[in-house]
PDB file of N, CA and C in Angstrom:
ATOM      1  N   UNK A   1     -42.829  44.761  26.654  1.00  0.00           N
ATOM      2  CA  UNK A   1     -41.597  44.035  26.580  1.00  0.00           C
ATOM      3  C   UNK A   1     -41.682  42.733  27.364  1.00  0.00           C
ATOM      4  N   UNK A   2     -42.277  42.785  28.537  1.00  0.00           N
ATOM      5  CA  UNK A   2     -42.397  41.588  29.333  1.00  0.00           C
ATOM      6  C   UNK A   2     -43.335  40.532  28.683  1.00  0.00           C
ATOM      7  N   UNK A   3     -44.324  41.055  27.966  1.00  0.00           N
ATOM      8  CA  UNK A   3     -45.255  40.155  27.265  1.00  0.00           C
ATOM      9  C   UNK A   3     -44.515  39.435  26.144  1.00  0.00           C
ATOM     10  N   UNK A   4     -43.666  40.157  25.413  1.00  0.00           N
ATOM     11  CA  UNK A   4     -42.877  39.534  24.325  1.00  0.00           C
ATOM     12  C   UNK A   4     -41.928  38.491  24.897  1.00  0.00           C
ATOM     13  N   UNK A   5     -41.292  38.770  26.017  1.00  0.00           N
ATOM     14  CA  UNK A   5     -40.388  37.796  26.652  1.00  0.00           C
ATOM     15  C   UNK A   5     -41.190  36.572  27.079  1.00  0.00           C
ATOM     16  N   UNK A   6     -42.342  36.775  27.655  1.00  0.00           N
ATOM     17  CA  UNK A   6     -43.189  35.644  28.133  1.00  0.00           C
ATOM     18  C   UNK A   6     -43.616  34.782  26.952  1.00  0.00           C
ATOM     19  N   UNK A   7     -44.044  35.429  25.872  1.00  0.00           N
ATOM     20  CA  UNK A   7     -44.518  34.664  24.701  1.00  0.00           C
ATOM     21  C   UNK A   7     -43.364  33.889  24.037  1.00  0.00           C
ATOM     22  N   UNK A   8     -42.190  34.525  23.965  1.00  0.00           N
ATOM     23  CA  UNK A   8     -41.073  33.839  23.329  1.00  0.00           C
ATOM     24  C   UNK A   8     -40.579  32.662  24.184  1.00  0.00           C
ATOM     25  N   UNK A   9     -40.606  32.828  25.498  1.00  0.00           N
ATOM     26  CA  UNK A   9     -40.243  31.750  26.415  1.00  0.00           C
ATOM     27  C   UNK A   9     -41.263  30.591  26.308  1.00  0.00           C
ATOM     28  N   UNK A  10     -42.538  30.926  26.238  1.00  0.00           N
ATOM     29  CA  UNK A  10     -43.567  29.922  26.115  1.00  0.00           C
ATOM     30  C   UNK A  10     -43.466  29.179  24.792  1.00  0.00           C
ATOM     31  N   UNK A  11     -43.183  29.896  23.700  1.00  0.00           N
ATOM     32  CA  UNK A  11     -43.031  29.260  22.396  1.00  0.00           C
ATOM     33  C   UNK A  11     -41.822  28.336  22.369  1.00  0.00           C
ATOM     34  N   UNK A  12     -40.722  28.795  22.962  1.00  0.00           N
ATOM     35  CA  UNK A  12     -39.503  27.950  23.016  1.00  0.00           C
ATOM     36  C   UNK A  12     -39.760  26.677  23.838  1.00  0.00           C
ATOM     37  N   UNK A  13     -40.516  26.813  24.938  1.00  0.00           N
ATOM     38  CA  UNK A  13     -40.828  25.645  25.749  1.00  0.00           C
ATOM     39  C   UNK A  13     -41.704  24.658  25.018  1.00  0.00           C
ATOM     40  N   UNK A  14     -42.675  25.136  24.252  1.00  0.00           N
ATOM     41  CA  UNK A  14     -43.539  24.247  23.477  1.00  0.00           C
ATOM     42  C   UNK A  14     -42.780  23.551  22.402  1.00  0.00           C
ATOM     43  N   UNK A  15     -41.924  24.284  21.672  1.00  0.00           N
ATOM     44  CA  UNK A  15     -41.128  23.685  20.617  1.00  0.00           C
ATOM     45  C   UNK A  15     -40.113  22.711  21.172  1.00  0.00           C
ATOM     46  N   UNK A  16     -39.531  23.000  22.278  1.00  0.00           N
ATOM     47  CA  UNK A  16     -38.566  22.149  22.919  1.00  0.00           C
ATOM     48  C   UNK A  16     -39.176  20.842  23.442  1.00  0.00           C
ATOM     49  N   UNK A  17     -40.371  20.917  23.945  1.00  0.00           N
ATOM     50  CA  UNK A  17     -41.030  19.720  24.462  1.00  0.00           C
ATOM     51  C   UNK A  17     -41.457  18.757  23.338  1.00  0.00           C
ATOM     52  N   UNK A  18     -41.647  19.301  22.147  1.00  0.00           N
ATOM     53  CA  UNK A  18     -42.010  18.449  21.004  1.00  0.00           C
ATOM     54  C   UNK A  18     -40.865  17.520  20.597  1.00  0.00           C
ATOM     55  N   UNK A  19     -39.636  17.862  20.936  1.00  0.00           N
ATOM     56  CA  UNK A  19     -38.469  17.054  20.573  1.00  0.00           C
ATOM     57  C   UNK A  19     -38.036  16.145  21.695  1.00  0.00           C
ATOM     58  N   UNK A  20     -38.707  16.118  22.781  1.00  0.00           N
ATOM     59  CA  UNK A  20     -38.332  15.291  23.932  1.00  0.00           C
ATOM     60  C   UNK A  20     -38.543  13.796  23.606  1.00  0.00           C
ATOM     61  N   UNK A  21     -37.655  12.951  24.051  1.00  0.00           N
ATOM     62  CA  UNK A  21     -37.816  11.519  23.804  1.00  0.00           C
ATOM     63  C   UNK A  21     -39.005  10.965  24.604  1.00  0.00           C
ATOM     64  N   UNK A  22     -39.520   9.836  24.161  1.00  0.00           N
ATOM     65  CA  UNK A  22     -40.627   9.174  24.823  1.00  0.00           C
ATOM     66  C   UNK A  22     -40.093   8.559  26.132  1.00  0.00           C
ATOM     67  N   UNK A  23     -40.778   8.828  27.232  1.00  0.00           N
ATOM     68  CA  UNK A  23     -40.319   8.306  28.520  1.00  0.00           C
ATOM     69  C   UNK A  23     -40.514   6.763  28.557  1.00  0.00           C
ATOM     70  N   UNK A  24     -39.538   6.090  29.078  1.00  0.00           N
ATOM     71  CA  UNK A  24     -39.626   4.633  29.208  1.00  0.00           C
ATOM     72  C   UNK A  24     -40.423   4.275  30.436  1.00  0.00           C
ATOM     73  N   UNK A  25     -41.258   3.293  30.299  1.00  0.00           N
ATOM     74  CA  UNK A  25     -41.979   2.774  31.444  1.00  0.00           C
ATOM     75  C   UNK A  25     -41.114   1.734  32.144  1.00  0.00           C
ATOM     76  N   UNK A  26     -41.542   1.298  33.292  1.00  0.00           N
ATOM     77  CA  UNK A  26     -40.804   0.301  34.037  1.00  0.00           C
ATOM     78  C   UNK A  26     -40.704  -1.027  33.234  1.00  0.00           C
ATOM     79  N   UNK A  27     -41.746  -1.330  32.493  1.00  0.00           N
ATOM     80  CA  UNK A  27     -41.805  -2.563  31.710  1.00  0.00           C
ATOM     81  C   UNK A  27     -40.837  -2.447  30.504  1.00  0.00           C
ATOM     82  N   UNK A  28     -40.722  -1.285  29.911  1.00  0.00           N
ATOM     83  CA  UNK A  28     -39.863  -1.126  28.761  1.00  0.00           C
ATOM     84  C   UNK A  28     -38.381  -1.168  29.126  1.00  0.00           C
ATOM     85  N   UNK A  29     -38.027  -0.625  30.276  1.00  0.00           N
ATOM     86  CA  UNK A  29     -36.637  -0.507  30.662  1.00  0.00           C
ATOM     87  C   UNK A  29     -35.924  -1.829  30.842  1.00  0.00           C
ATOM     88  N   UNK A  30     -36.627  -2.858  31.285  1.00  0.00           N
ATOM     89  CA  UNK A  30     -36.009  -4.133  31.559  1.00  0.00           C
ATOM     90  C   UNK A  30     -36.115  -5.143  30.415  1.00  0.00           C
ATOM     91  N   UNK A  31     -36.670  -4.706  29.293  1.00  0.00           N
ATOM     92  CA  UNK A  31     -36.904  -5.619  28.177  1.00  0.00           C
ATOM     93  C   UNK A  31     -36.340  -5.023  26.894  1.00  0.00           C
ATOM     94  N   UNK A  32     -36.031  -5.863  25.939  1.00  0.00           N
ATOM     95  CA  UNK A  32     -35.666  -5.389  24.595  1.00  0.00           C
ATOM     96  C   UNK A  32     -36.509  -6.167  23.599  1.00  0.00           C
ATOM     97  N   UNK A  33     -36.801  -5.509  22.479  1.00  0.00           N
ATOM     98  CA  UNK A  33     -37.643  -6.152  21.466  1.00  0.00           C
ATOM     99  C   UNK A  33     -36.745  -6.882  20.469  1.00  0.00           C
ATOM    100  N   UNK A  34     -37.088  -8.135  20.207  1.00  0.00           N
ATOM    101  CA  UNK A  34     -36.365  -8.950  19.227  1.00  0.00           C
ATOM    102  C   UNK A  34     -37.408  -9.608  18.333  1.00  0.00           C
ATOM    103  N   UNK A  35     -36.925 -10.093  17.193  1.00  0.00           N
ATOM    104  CA  UNK A  35     -37.835 -10.787  16.249  1.00  0.00           C
ATOM    105  C   UNK A  35     -38.294 -12.129  16.844  1.00  0.00           C
ATOM    106  N   UNK A  36     -39.558 -12.430  16.661  1.00  0.00           N
ATOM    107  CA  UNK A  36     -40.102 -13.715  17.101  1.00  0.00           C
ATOM    108  C   UNK A  36     -39.839 -14.738  16.026  1.00  0.00           C
ATOM    109  N   UNK A  37     -38.712 -15.399  16.105  1.00  0.00           N
ATOM    110  CA  UNK A  37     -38.305 -16.321  15.047  1.00  0.00           C
ATOM    111  C   UNK A  37     -39.227 -17.579  15.032  1.00  0.00           C
ATOM    112  N   UNK A  38     -39.781 -17.966  16.164  1.00  0.00           N
ATOM    113  CA  UNK A  38     -40.659 -19.139  16.197  1.00  0.00           C
ATOM    114  C   UNK A  38     -41.942 -18.870  15.420  1.00  0.00           C
ATOM    115  N   UNK A  39     -42.517 -17.679  15.585  1.00  0.00           N
ATOM    116  CA  UNK A  39     -43.704 -17.326  14.848  1.00  0.00           C
ATOM    117  C   UNK A  39     -43.372 -17.180  13.373  1.00  0.00           C
ATOM    118  N   UNK A  40     -42.234 -16.630  13.043  1.00  0.00           N
ATOM    119  CA  UNK A  40     -41.833 -16.490  11.641  1.00  0.00           C
ATOM    120  C   UNK A  40     -41.701 -17.880  10.977  1.00  0.00           C
ATOM    121  N   UNK A  41     -41.125 -18.826  11.708  1.00  0.00           N
ATOM    122  CA  UNK A  41     -41.000 -20.169  11.187  1.00  0.00           C
ATOM    123  C   UNK A  41     -42.346 -20.821  10.958  1.00  0.00           C
ATOM    124  N   UNK A  42     -43.321 -20.618  11.888  1.00  0.00           N
ATOM    125  CA  UNK A  42     -44.641 -21.177  11.708  1.00  0.00           C
ATOM    126  C   UNK A  42     -45.340 -20.610  10.503  1.00  0.00           C
ATOM    127  N   UNK A  43     -45.235 -19.291  10.322  1.00  0.00           N
ATOM    128  CA  UNK A  43     -45.885 -18.629   9.172  1.00  0.00           C
ATOM    129  C   UNK A  43     -45.241 -19.106   7.858  1.00  0.00           C
ATOM    130  N   UNK A  44     -43.949 -19.224   7.822  1.00  0.00           N
ATOM    131  CA  UNK A  44     -43.273 -19.736   6.619  1.00  0.00           C
ATOM    132  C   UNK A  44     -43.599 -21.166   6.318  1.00  0.00           C
ATOM    133  N   UNK A  45     -43.709 -21.951   7.382  1.00  0.00           N
ATOM    134  CA  UNK A  45     -44.074 -23.384   7.177  1.00  0.00           C
ATOM    135  C   UNK A  45     -45.495 -23.500   6.592  1.00  0.00           C
ATOM    136  N   UNK A  46     -46.421 -22.725   7.145  1.00  0.00           N
ATOM    137  CA  UNK A  46     -47.797 -22.736   6.646  1.00  0.00           C
ATOM    138  C   UNK A  46     -47.866 -22.232   5.227  1.00  0.00           C
ATOM    139  N   UNK A  47     -47.071 -21.224   4.910  1.00  0.00           N
ATOM    140  CA  UNK A  47     -47.044 -20.718   3.524  1.00  0.00           C
ATOM    141  C   UNK A  47     -46.437 -21.741   2.572  1.00  0.00           C
ATOM    142  N   UNK A  48     -45.459 -22.439   3.027  1.00  0.00           N
ATOM    143  CA  UNK A  48     -44.821 -23.481   2.194  1.00  0.00           C
ATOM    144  C   UNK A  48     -45.787 -24.590   1.856  1.00  0.00           C
ATOM    145  N   UNK A  49     -46.592 -24.969   2.844  1.00  0.00           N
ATOM    146  CA  UNK A  49     -47.571 -26.032   2.637  1.00  0.00           C
ATOM    147  C   UNK A  49     -48.689 -25.578   1.698  1.00  0.00           C
ATOM    148  N   UNK A  50     -48.973 -24.255   1.696  1.00  0.00           N
ATOM    149  CA  UNK A  50     -50.022 -23.726   0.838  1.00  0.00           C
ATOM    150  C   UNK A  50     -49.495 -23.262  -0.509  1.00  0.00           C
ATOM    151  N   UNK A  51     -48.178 -23.472  -0.767  1.00  0.00           N
ATOM    152  CA  UNK A  51     -47.538 -23.098  -1.987  1.00  0.00           C
ATOM    153  C   UNK A  51     -47.635 -21.578  -2.238  1.00  0.00           C
ATOM    154  N   UNK A  52     -47.385 -20.803  -1.214  1.00  0.00           N
ATOM    155  CA  UNK A  52     -47.355 -19.330  -1.348  1.00  0.00           C
ATOM    156  C   UNK A  52     -46.004 -18.835  -0.830  1.00  0.00           C
ATOM    157  N   UNK A  53     -45.725 -17.586  -1.166  1.00  0.00           N
ATOM    158  CA  UNK A  53     -44.489 -16.965  -0.718  1.00  0.00           C
ATOM    159  C   UNK A  53     -44.765 -15.967   0.387  1.00  0.00           C
ATOM    160  N   UNK A  54     -43.768 -15.820   1.263  1.00  0.00           N
ATOM    161  CA  UNK A  54     -43.862 -14.824   2.338  1.00  0.00           C
ATOM    162  C   UNK A  54     -42.722 -13.842   2.139  1.00  0.00           C
ATOM    163  N   UNK A  55     -43.045 -12.553   2.080  1.00  0.00           N
ATOM    164  CA  UNK A  55     -42.026 -11.515   2.036  1.00  0.00           C
ATOM    165  C   UNK A  55     -42.191 -10.646   3.293  1.00  0.00           C
ATOM    166  N   UNK A  56     -41.201 -10.709   4.151  1.00  0.00           N
ATOM    167  CA  UNK A  56     -41.280  -9.979   5.433  1.00  0.00           C
ATOM    168  C   UNK A  56     -40.860  -8.531   5.224  1.00  0.00           C
ATOM    169  N   UNK A  57     -41.743  -7.613   5.601  1.00  0.00           N
ATOM    170  CA  UNK A  57     -41.393  -6.196   5.604  1.00  0.00           C
ATOM    171  C   UNK A  57     -40.798  -5.838   6.964  1.00  0.00           C
ATOM    172  N   UNK A  58     -41.386  -6.350   8.023  1.00  0.00           N
ATOM    173  CA  UNK A  58     -40.818  -6.224   9.365  1.00  0.00           C
ATOM    174  C   UNK A  58     -41.208  -7.480  10.118  1.00  0.00           C
ATOM    175  N   UNK A  59     -40.385  -7.879  11.042  1.00  0.00           N
ATOM    176  CA  UNK A  59     -40.650  -9.132  11.761  1.00  0.00           C
ATOM    177  C   UNK A  59     -41.582  -8.871  12.945  1.00  0.00           C
ATOM    178  N   UNK A  60     -42.296  -9.908  13.352  1.00  0.00           N
ATOM    179  CA  UNK A  60     -43.142  -9.781  14.579  1.00  0.00           C
ATOM    180  C   UNK A  60     -42.209  -9.695  15.777  1.00  0.00           C
ATOM    181  N   UNK A  61     -42.567  -8.793  16.684  1.00  0.00           N
ATOM    182  CA  UNK A  61     -41.695  -8.488  17.840  1.00  0.00           C
ATOM    183  C   UNK A  61     -42.201  -9.167  19.122  1.00  0.00           C
ATOM    184  N   UNK A  62     -41.227  -9.576  19.944  1.00  0.00           N
ATOM    185  CA  UNK A  62     -41.500 -10.013  21.289  1.00  0.00           C
ATOM    186  C   UNK A  62     -40.583  -9.276  22.230  1.00  0.00           C
ATOM    187  N   UNK A  63     -40.947  -9.217  23.494  1.00  0.00           N
ATOM    188  CA  UNK A  63     -40.076  -8.579  24.489  1.00  0.00           C
ATOM    189  C   UNK A  63     -39.282  -9.648  25.200  1.00  0.00           C
ATOM    190  N   UNK A  64     -37.968  -9.444  25.199  1.00  0.00           N
ATOM    191  CA  UNK A  64     -37.081 -10.436  25.862  1.00  0.00           C
ATOM    192  C   UNK A  64     -36.385  -9.716  27.008  1.00  0.00           C
ATOM    193  N   UNK A  65     -36.378 -10.347  28.170  1.00  0.00           N
ATOM    194  CA  UNK A  65     -35.711  -9.711  29.328  1.00  0.00           C
ATOM    195  C   UNK A  65     -34.215  -9.551  29.069  1.00  0.00           C
ATOM    196  N   UNK A  66     -33.658  -8.439  29.527  1.00  0.00           N
ATOM    197  CA  UNK A  66     -32.247  -8.172  29.363  1.00  0.00           C
ATOM    198  C   UNK A  66     -31.508  -8.792  30.529  1.00  0.00           C
ATOM    199  N   UNK A  67     -30.415  -9.448  30.229  1.00  0.00           N
ATOM    200  CA  UNK A  67     -29.601  -9.966  31.306  1.00  0.00           C
ATOM    201  C   UNK A  67     -29.616 -11.404  31.379  1.00  0.00           C
TER     202      UNK A  67
END
């Protein structure tokens, strides 16, 4: 009986830790990610000069200090 209790507690702990959020580092806590509009403008300008199209799936990110 004690073995069953130990195994069930261990299984619950493993499953519960899989759902835990990612811990923030000191660097992440004081910054937020925003789109790098300057880089996007440079890429679109270069594409315009080369007569090509740019379709953004996701924007390039930079870290901006909060506050």
